[in-house]
Amino acid sequence: MVYIDFWGTSCAPCLAQIPAANQLKERFKDKDVVFLNIAFDNSIDKLKRFIDYKSFKGVHLIEKKGFASNVADSYKINSLPHYFLIDKNGYIVNGEAPRPIDKPDQIIENELNK
């Protein structure tokens, strides 16, 4: 299962999610869940420094084209943050998954137990 977080370093609502996101990742650290963070940013160096500074856990990717990217178009991303939950078969279970601060724990647990 994959919990995708589309975010950006200049997005205040995104940054507010980081502590809760780290707690969520810690809760599911021994479960079959990948936390994939896709930053809409244009500087890999800036992103790396930010991730280190905030101790932001998970797998991190960067999409330099942001909203003009194929990723944004494919996933219909027009605002940040945006969360998806992908099941173990690669299907989108929830294209409007709850933010970490809104405790998506039960939804994740339910999917893991299917």
Protein backbone atom coordinates (compact mmCIF):
# COMPACT_ATOMS: atom_id res chain seq x y z
CA MET A 1 0.00 0.00 0.00
CA VAL A 2 1.19 3.53 -0.76
CA TYR A 3 0.15 6.77 0.93
CA ILE A 4 1.13 9.57 -1.46
CA ASP A 5 1.66 13.13 -0.25
CA PHE A 6 1.86 15.80 -2.95
CA TRP A 7 3.39 18.82 -1.23
CA GLY A 8 5.81 21.74 -1.55
CA THR A 9 8.32 23.50 0.66
CA SER A 10 6.59 26.86 0.11
CA CYS A 11 3.12 25.50 0.99
CA ALA A 12 2.22 26.46 4.58
CA PRO A 13 -0.63 23.91 4.88
CA CYS A 14 1.80 21.22 3.65
CA LEU A 15 4.41 22.15 6.24
CA ALA A 16 1.82 22.04 9.01
CA GLN A 17 1.27 18.34 8.19
CA ILE A 18 4.90 17.23 8.70
CA PRO A 19 4.75 16.44 12.46
CA ALA A 20 1.54 14.42 12.03
CA ALA A 21 2.97 12.75 8.91
CA ASN A 22 6.05 11.65 10.84
CA GLN A 23 3.84 10.25 13.60
CA LEU A 24 1.74 8.37 11.03
CA LYS A 25 4.87 6.89 9.46
CA GLU A 26 6.12 5.84 12.87
CA ARG A 27 2.80 4.13 13.67
CA PHE A 28 2.96 2.07 10.47
CA LYS A 29 6.73 1.52 10.34
CA ASP A 30 6.41 -2.25 10.69
CA LYS A 31 3.47 -2.54 8.28
CA ASP A 32 3.37 -2.91 4.51
CA VAL A 33 2.89 0.82 3.84
CA VAL A 34 5.15 3.09 1.78
CA PHE A 35 4.92 6.80 2.48
CA LEU A 36 5.73 8.55 -0.79
CA ASN A 37 6.25 12.31 -0.68
CA ILE A 38 6.27 14.09 -4.04
CA ALA A 39 7.43 17.68 -3.75
CA PHE A 40 6.42 20.25 -6.34
CA ASP A 41 9.66 22.21 -6.06
CA ASN A 42 12.38 23.28 -8.46
CA SER A 43 15.54 22.80 -6.38
CA ILE A 44 16.77 19.37 -5.31
CA ASP A 45 19.37 20.93 -3.00
CA LYS A 46 16.79 23.10 -1.27
CA LEU A 47 14.48 20.12 -0.91
CA LYS A 48 17.21 17.91 0.57
CA ARG A 49 18.17 20.59 3.11
CA PHE A 50 14.52 21.09 4.05
CA ILE A 51 13.87 17.35 4.48
CA ASP A 52 16.95 17.01 6.69
CA TYR A 53 16.11 20.13 8.71
CA LYS A 54 12.52 18.99 9.36
CA SER A 55 13.48 15.29 9.74
CA PHE A 56 10.70 14.56 7.25
CA LYS A 57 10.53 10.77 6.95
CA GLY A 58 9.49 8.60 4.02
CA VAL A 59 10.45 8.24 0.38
CA HIS A 60 10.97 11.60 -1.31
CA LEU A 61 10.70 12.53 -4.97
CA ILE A 62 10.71 15.91 -6.66
CA GLU A 63 8.57 17.08 -9.56
CA LYS A 64 10.30 20.20 -10.88
CA LYS A 65 7.50 21.06 -13.31
CA GLY A 66 4.94 21.19 -10.46
CA PHE A 67 1.40 21.77 -11.64
CA ALA A 68 2.57 21.80 -15.29
CA SER A 69 3.84 18.21 -15.00
CA ASN A 70 2.46 14.96 -16.34
CA VAL A 71 2.23 13.78 -12.73
CA ALA A 72 -0.05 16.67 -11.77
CA ASP A 73 -2.12 16.11 -14.88
CA SER A 74 -2.38 12.34 -14.40
CA TYR A 75 -3.40 12.62 -10.75
CA LYS A 76 -5.51 15.77 -11.31
CA ILE A 77 -3.49 17.74 -8.75
CA ASN A 78 -4.46 21.42 -8.76
CA SER A 79 -3.70 22.33 -5.16
CA LEU A 80 -1.37 21.28 -2.37
CA PRO A 81 -1.32 19.35 -0.17
CA HIS A 82 -3.10 16.45 -1.80
CA TYR A 83 -3.12 12.83 -0.61
CA PHE A 84 -3.80 9.51 -2.29
CA LEU A 85 -4.08 6.00 -0.97
CA ILE A 86 -3.04 3.23 -3.38
CA ASP A 87 -3.83 -0.41 -2.54
CA LYS A 88 -1.42 -3.32 -2.78
CA ASN A 89 -2.63 -4.05 -6.32
CA GLY A 90 -1.84 -0.52 -7.50
CA TYR A 91 -5.41 0.78 -7.56
CA ILE A 92 -6.36 4.19 -6.21
CA VAL A 93 -8.48 3.49 -3.15
CA ASN A 94 -8.89 7.10 -2.14
CA GLY A 95 -7.97 10.09 -4.33
CA GLU A 96 -8.92 12.47 -1.55
CA ALA A 97 -7.27 10.65 1.36
CA PRO A 98 -7.31 12.44 4.70
CA ARG A 99 -4.36 14.60 5.65
CA PRO A 100 -2.06 13.15 8.32
CA ILE A 101 -3.41 15.64 10.87
CA ASP A 102 -6.91 14.24 10.19
CA LYS A 103 -5.76 10.76 11.26
CA PRO A 104 -6.13 8.45 8.24
CA ASP A 105 -4.99 5.57 10.48
CA GLN A 106 -8.26 3.63 10.35
CA ILE A 107 -8.54 3.90 6.57
CA ILE A 108 -4.98 2.60 6.22
CA GLU A 109 -5.64 -0.22 8.71
CA ASN A 110 -8.80 -1.23 6.86
CA GLU A 111 -6.95 -1.43 3.56
CA LEU A 112 -4.10 -3.42 5.11
CA ASN A 113 -6.60 -5.95 6.47
CA LYS A 114 -8.31 -6.59 3.12
